[in-house]
Amino acid sequence: MAGSVVVGLDGTEQADAAAEWAADEAVLRGTGVHLVHVLEPSPDLLVPLVSREPVASWGEKLLAHTAARLRESRPGLSVTTRLLPSDPVTSLVLATEERGDLLVLGSRALGGVAGYLLGSVGMTVAGRIERPVVLVRAPDPPGRETLDADGPDGPGALDPESPEAPSSGAPVVVGVDLRDPVDGVLAFAFAEAASRRTEVRVVHARRLPLHDRLVPSGTPEARQAHAVSPEVLRSLEGLLEPWRERFPEVASTGRVVAGSAGQELPRAAEGAALVVVGRRTRRSTLGAHLGSVAHAVLHHVRAPVAVVPHD
């Protein structure tokens, strides 16, 4: 039997959104949800109205309330709960590796932080754990326009007229590096698309030569044509061929774009149901961490983002 989908709760709307996404994912996988709450920091910082209650009591109520909501909205779904001790990073990693195949956390775009799982703890867990992690954003309030540090035309700019949630049949978008393709990342993306009965869009970002980046020549269309050589296209098609044979029910397309992956993948992910990126596992004295592409996608993409570790 597959492991549970583990969800970290901290009392924020982002964590609530993560729990809802995880419950739907568990239904698709035919497994259960395991809700966890770490006994720090004090919830006084998040919910002042319950600051007089002991931390453990607040956590138990949070878990019970969320579990009841998920069971009511999805009859038959198995939901288990557990309070975890201090040291949230270690507790979340161990709980997931013990009980689950996937960890789901709330996430937030560039800006302030609300809740300990949205800040350094959540990013550290995503950079350390050897299970896939999905980070889920809460829906933006109607009419809200979020801009990133690159300005209104940057990769994080959100179109106020675009839908708050992907439409039915929205694709799974996955970024690949043809110089270092990873089977585990594509396997995760195709399996997710198969369970959702949707398509996979595979994106490879190819950086232009230094001269072309310093002295742009011609139109964007001309630079794109320069980057997309027949050899690169054949390599991408060759990479996809075994996955198309393994998942014949999943339609897939490959696309090569000119530019950096950190900028182009968020653009390609507009309207996606899920965005999948890889993270190389690094075991060194500097500790595990997310790569620059994963950071860019997490900051700039409104869809849920799956970070898949690999060697």
Protein backbone atom coordinates (compact mmCIF):
# COMPACT_ATOMS: atom_id res chain seq x y z
CA MET A 1 0.00 0.00 0.00
CA ALA A 2 1.27 3.44 -0.87
CA GLY A 3 2.33 5.73 1.94
CA SER A 4 0.14 8.56 3.12
CA VAL A 5 0.25 12.11 1.86
CA VAL A 6 1.72 14.03 4.82
CA VAL A 7 0.63 17.62 5.47
CA GLY A 8 2.24 20.14 7.82
CA LEU A 9 -0.27 22.42 9.55
CA ASP A 10 0.49 25.72 11.28
CA GLY A 11 -2.87 27.50 11.41
CA THR A 12 -2.44 29.63 8.28
CA GLU A 13 -4.67 29.82 5.22
CA GLN A 14 -1.78 28.52 3.14
CA ALA A 15 -1.60 25.39 5.30
CA ASP A 16 -5.38 24.98 4.95
CA ALA A 17 -4.99 25.15 1.17
CA ALA A 18 -2.20 22.56 1.41
CA ALA A 19 -4.47 20.22 3.40
CA GLU A 20 -7.24 20.50 0.79
CA TRP A 21 -4.79 19.84 -2.05
CA ALA A 22 -3.28 16.89 -0.18
CA ALA A 23 -6.72 15.36 0.43
CA ASP A 24 -7.53 15.52 -3.29
CA GLU A 25 -4.12 14.02 -4.07
CA ALA A 26 -4.73 11.18 -1.62
CA VAL A 27 -8.05 10.40 -3.31
CA LEU A 28 -6.29 10.24 -6.68
CA ARG A 29 -3.60 7.96 -5.24
CA GLY A 30 -6.03 5.77 -3.32
CA THR A 31 -4.24 6.40 -0.03
CA GLY A 32 -4.78 8.48 3.10
CA VAL A 33 -3.75 11.82 4.59
CA HIS A 34 -1.51 12.18 7.63
CA LEU A 35 -1.83 15.61 9.29
CA VAL A 36 1.03 16.77 11.49
CA HIS A 37 1.62 19.82 13.65
CA VAL A 38 4.93 20.76 15.26
CA LEU A 39 4.71 22.03 18.83
CA GLU A 40 6.63 25.20 18.02
CA PRO A 41 6.63 28.09 17.66
CA SER A 42 3.88 29.19 20.02
CA PRO A 43 0.62 29.76 18.14
CA ASP A 44 0.32 33.06 20.06
CA LEU A 45 2.25 34.54 17.13
CA LEU A 46 -0.29 33.29 14.61
CA VAL A 47 -3.67 33.34 16.36
CA PRO A 48 -3.73 35.87 19.22
CA LEU A 49 -7.31 34.95 20.26
CA VAL A 50 -6.18 31.53 21.53
CA SER A 51 -2.98 32.68 23.17
CA ARG A 52 -4.19 31.59 26.64
CA GLU A 53 -4.46 27.95 25.60
CA PRO A 54 -1.53 25.60 26.03
CA VAL A 55 0.40 25.00 22.85
CA ALA A 56 -0.39 21.27 22.77
CA SER A 57 -4.10 21.88 23.26
CA TRP A 58 -4.16 24.39 20.40
CA GLY A 59 -2.32 21.96 18.15
CA GLU A 60 -4.68 19.10 18.98
CA LYS A 61 -7.70 21.25 18.15
CA LEU A 62 -6.12 22.37 14.88
CA LEU A 63 -5.49 18.76 13.84
CA ALA A 64 -8.93 17.57 14.91
CA HIS A 65 -10.77 20.40 13.16
CA THR A 66 -8.85 19.93 9.91
CA ALA A 67 -9.27 16.14 9.97
CA ALA A 68 -13.02 16.47 10.51
CA ARG A 69 -13.31 18.91 7.60
CA LEU A 70 -11.42 16.65 5.22
CA ARG A 71 -13.40 13.53 6.23
CA GLU A 72 -16.71 15.34 5.83
CA SER A 73 -15.90 16.69 2.37
CA ARG A 74 -14.41 13.40 1.14
CA PRO A 75 -16.32 10.45 2.62
CA GLY A 76 -14.19 7.37 3.03
CA LEU A 77 -10.89 9.25 3.11
CA SER A 78 -8.52 7.96 5.79
CA VAL A 79 -7.16 10.87 7.86
CA THR A 80 -4.70 10.39 10.71
CA THR A 81 -3.10 13.05 12.90
CA ARG A 82 -0.01 13.48 15.03
CA LEU A 83 1.60 16.15 17.18
CA LEU A 84 5.33 16.39 16.57
CA PRO A 85 8.01 17.50 19.05
CA SER A 86 10.13 20.61 18.72
CA ASP A 87 12.72 21.02 15.96
CA PRO A 88 10.24 21.35 13.10
CA VAL A 89 12.70 20.57 10.30
CA THR A 90 13.81 17.24 11.72
CA SER A 91 10.29 16.33 12.88
CA LEU A 92 8.70 16.97 9.48
CA VAL A 93 11.43 15.09 7.63
CA LEU A 94 11.25 12.05 9.92
CA ALA A 95 7.44 11.98 9.98
CA THR A 96 7.29 12.00 6.20
CA GLU A 97 9.97 9.38 5.73
CA GLU A 98 8.22 7.17 8.30
CA ARG A 99 4.61 7.50 7.11
CA GLY A 100 4.45 9.07 3.67
CA ASP A 101 5.54 9.17 0.07
CA LEU A 102 4.83 12.88 -0.32
CA LEU A 103 4.96 15.97 1.91
CA VAL A 104 2.66 18.94 1.31
CA LEU A 105 3.25 22.37 2.85
CA GLY A 106 1.72 25.79 2.50
CA SER A 107 3.68 28.31 0.47
CA ARG A 108 3.67 32.01 -0.24
CA ALA A 109 5.04 34.23 -2.99
CA LEU A 110 7.68 36.91 -2.41
CA GLY A 111 6.77 39.15 0.47
CA GLY A 112 6.02 38.73 4.15
CA VAL A 113 5.87 35.44 6.00
CA ALA A 114 2.84 34.19 7.91
CA GLY A 115 3.49 30.94 9.73
CA TYR A 116 6.67 29.05 10.43
CA LEU A 117 6.16 26.49 7.65
CA LEU A 118 6.14 29.27 5.05
CA GLY A 119 9.51 30.72 5.94
CA SER A 120 12.96 29.29 6.51
CA VAL A 121 11.66 26.05 8.03
CA GLY A 122 9.56 25.14 5.00
CA MET A 123 12.35 25.98 2.57
CA THR A 124 14.86 24.03 4.64
CA VAL A 125 12.60 20.98 4.74
CA ALA A 126 12.08 21.15 0.96
CA GLY A 127 15.85 21.30 0.50
CA ARG A 128 16.65 18.43 2.85
CA ILE A 129 13.96 15.76 2.63
CA GLU A 130 14.43 12.78 0.31
CA ARG A 131 10.76 12.64 -0.63
CA PRO A 132 8.92 14.85 -3.11
CA VAL A 133 7.51 18.02 -1.56
CA VAL A 134 4.55 19.96 -2.93
CA LEU A 135 4.19 23.59 -1.87
CA VAL A 136 0.70 25.04 -2.20
CA ARG A 137 -0.35 28.67 -2.20
CA ALA A 138 -3.67 29.92 -0.89
CA PRO A 139 -5.84 31.58 -3.57
CA ASP A 140 -5.17 35.28 -3.98
CA PRO A 141 -8.04 37.59 -2.95
CA PRO A 142 -10.21 38.64 -5.92
CA GLY A 143 -8.75 41.61 -7.76
CA ARG A 144 -5.39 41.38 -6.04
CA GLU A 145 -2.42 41.94 -8.32
CA THR A 146 0.89 40.49 -7.14
CA LEU A 147 4.12 41.75 -8.68
CA ASP A 148 7.57 40.38 -8.12
CA ALA A 149 10.87 42.14 -7.67
CA ASP A 150 11.50 42.08 -11.41
CA GLY A 151 8.71 44.59 -12.02
CA PRO A 152 5.33 44.34 -13.74
CA ASP A 153 6.69 42.45 -16.73
CA GLY A 154 8.89 40.00 -14.79
CA PRO A 155 8.28 36.27 -14.50
CA GLY A 156 6.35 36.70 -11.27
CA ALA A 157 3.86 39.25 -12.58
CA LEU A 158 0.33 37.94 -12.22
CA ASP A 159 -2.33 38.91 -14.70
CA PRO A 160 -5.34 40.22 -12.72
CA GLU A 161 -7.63 38.88 -15.43
CA SER A 162 -6.28 35.34 -15.26
CA PRO A 163 -8.21 32.74 -13.23
CA GLU A 164 -7.31 32.21 -9.59
CA ALA A 165 -7.23 28.45 -10.06
CA PRO A 166 -6.33 26.30 -13.06
CA SER A 167 -9.29 25.22 -15.17
CA SER A 168 -10.32 21.59 -15.47
CA GLY A 169 -7.81 19.64 -17.52
CA ALA A 170 -4.98 22.07 -16.77
CA PRO A 171 -1.61 20.51 -17.66
CA VAL A 172 1.27 19.30 -15.54
CA VAL A 173 4.33 21.37 -16.46
CA VAL A 174 7.81 19.98 -15.82
CA GLY A 175 11.21 21.54 -16.34
CA VAL A 176 14.05 19.38 -17.66
CA ASP A 177 17.73 19.87 -18.36
CA LEU A 178 18.79 17.98 -21.48
CA ARG A 179 22.40 18.02 -20.30
CA ASP A 180 21.44 16.13 -17.16
CA PRO A 181 18.01 14.48 -17.57
CA VAL A 182 16.50 12.84 -14.48
CA ASP A 183 14.10 9.91 -14.77
CA GLY A 184 12.59 10.48 -11.33
CA VAL A 185 11.40 13.99 -12.17
CA LEU A 186 9.72 12.90 -15.42
CA ALA A 187 8.27 9.81 -13.75
CA PHE A 188 6.64 11.98 -11.10
CA ALA A 189 5.25 14.41 -13.69
CA PHE A 190 3.80 11.70 -15.95
CA ALA A 191 2.28 9.81 -13.00
CA GLU A 192 0.62 12.99 -11.73
CA ALA A 193 -0.74 13.75 -15.21
CA ALA A 194 -2.04 10.19 -15.55
CA SER A 195 -3.93 10.39 -12.25
CA ARG A 196 -5.47 13.71 -13.31
CA ARG A 197 -6.18 12.54 -16.88
CA THR A 198 -4.41 15.56 -18.27
CA GLU A 199 -1.35 16.30 -20.40
CA VAL A 200 2.31 16.88 -19.62
CA ARG A 201 4.16 19.89 -21.00
CA VAL A 202 7.92 19.43 -20.84
CA VAL A 203 10.00 22.61 -20.93
CA HIS A 204 13.73 22.88 -21.56
CA ALA A 205 15.23 26.37 -21.21
CA ARG A 206 18.33 26.91 -23.30
CA ARG A 207 20.52 29.85 -22.46
CA LEU A 208 21.71 31.90 -25.41
CA PRO A 209 25.44 32.34 -26.04
CA LEU A 210 27.03 35.12 -23.99
CA HIS A 211 27.38 37.42 -27.00
CA ASP A 212 23.67 37.14 -27.82
CA ARG A 213 22.77 37.88 -24.21
CA LEU A 214 25.00 40.95 -24.00
CA VAL A 215 24.11 42.27 -27.44
CA PRO A 216 20.60 41.04 -28.30
CA SER A 217 20.24 40.62 -32.03
CA GLY A 218 17.04 40.52 -34.00
CA THR A 219 13.53 39.94 -32.71
CA PRO A 220 12.64 37.63 -29.81
CA GLU A 221 11.32 35.21 -32.43
CA ALA A 222 14.70 35.22 -34.19
CA ARG A 223 16.58 34.58 -30.93
CA GLN A 224 14.16 31.76 -30.12
CA ALA A 225 14.78 30.17 -33.52
CA HIS A 226 18.53 30.52 -32.94
CA ALA A 227 18.29 28.64 -29.63
CA VAL A 228 16.05 25.85 -30.89
CA SER A 229 18.26 23.82 -33.17
CA PRO A 230 17.08 20.55 -34.78
CA GLU A 231 19.57 18.66 -32.63
CA VAL A 232 18.08 20.05 -29.41
CA LEU A 233 14.55 19.24 -30.54
CA ARG A 234 15.58 15.69 -31.41
CA SER A 235 17.19 15.31 -27.99
CA LEU A 236 14.02 16.43 -26.27
CA GLU A 237 11.85 14.09 -28.34
CA GLY A 238 14.25 11.26 -27.59
CA LEU A 239 14.00 11.99 -23.88
CA LEU A 240 10.20 11.83 -24.00
CA GLU A 241 9.88 8.71 -26.12
CA PRO A 242 10.19 6.08 -23.34
CA TRP A 243 7.77 8.00 -21.12
CA ARG A 244 5.21 8.20 -23.90
CA GLU A 245 5.50 4.43 -24.28
CA ARG A 246 5.15 3.92 -20.52
CA PHE A 247 2.15 6.30 -20.24
CA PRO A 248 0.33 5.96 -23.58
CA GLU A 249 -2.79 7.55 -22.12
CA VAL A 250 -0.94 10.78 -21.31
CA ALA A 251 -0.56 13.34 -24.08
CA SER A 252 2.76 15.16 -23.91
CA THR A 253 4.49 18.00 -25.69
CA GLY A 254 8.09 19.19 -25.53
CA ARG A 255 9.11 22.81 -25.81
CA VAL A 256 12.52 24.48 -25.98
CA VAL A 257 12.65 28.14 -24.95
CA ALA A 258 15.48 30.67 -25.12
CA GLY A 259 16.53 32.05 -21.75
CA SER A 260 17.25 30.99 -18.19
CA ALA A 261 15.15 28.26 -16.59
CA GLY A 262 14.47 30.47 -13.57
CA GLN A 263 12.72 33.01 -15.80
CA GLU A 264 11.22 30.86 -18.54
CA LEU A 265 9.75 28.01 -16.50
CA PRO A 266 7.47 30.32 -14.46
CA ARG A 267 6.25 31.87 -17.72
CA ALA A 268 5.54 28.45 -19.21
CA ALA A 269 3.69 27.41 -16.04
CA GLU A 270 0.86 29.93 -16.38
CA GLY A 271 -2.43 28.07 -15.86
CA ALA A 272 -0.81 24.76 -14.87
CA ALA A 273 -2.42 22.33 -12.46
CA LEU A 274 1.01 21.40 -11.08
CA VAL A 275 4.59 22.45 -11.80
CA VAL A 276 7.38 19.89 -11.28
CA VAL A 277 11.04 20.74 -10.77
CA GLY A 278 14.01 18.65 -9.71
CA ARG A 279 16.36 19.22 -6.80
CA ARG A 280 19.75 17.59 -6.64
CA THR A 281 20.48 16.03 -3.25
CA ARG A 282 23.69 17.39 -1.80
CA ARG A 283 25.32 15.86 1.24
CA SER A 284 28.00 18.27 2.39
CA THR A 285 29.05 20.34 5.36
CA LEU A 286 27.10 23.24 3.85
CA GLY A 287 23.86 21.29 4.21
CA ALA A 288 21.07 20.61 1.75
CA HIS A 289 19.42 23.44 -0.12
CA LEU A 290 17.18 24.26 -3.03
CA GLY A 291 18.68 25.22 -6.35
CA SER A 292 18.16 28.56 -8.06
CA VAL A 293 15.53 27.24 -10.49
CA ALA A 294 13.43 25.71 -7.70
CA HIS A 295 13.68 28.98 -5.76
CA ALA A 296 12.52 31.01 -8.75
CA VAL A 297 9.57 28.71 -9.44
CA LEU A 298 8.47 28.66 -5.80
CA HIS A 299 8.56 32.44 -5.63
CA HIS A 300 6.86 33.19 -8.94
CA VAL A 301 4.39 30.41 -9.75
CA ARG A 302 0.88 30.46 -8.33
CA ALA A 303 0.16 26.79 -9.09
CA PRO A 304 1.22 24.05 -6.66
CA VAL A 305 4.92 23.26 -7.12
CA ALA A 306 6.39 19.79 -6.66
CA VAL A 307 10.10 19.63 -5.80
CA VAL A 308 11.44 16.16 -6.59
CA PRO A 309 14.84 15.21 -5.10
CA HIS A 310 17.30 13.20 -7.14
CA ASP A 311 20.96 12.15 -7.05
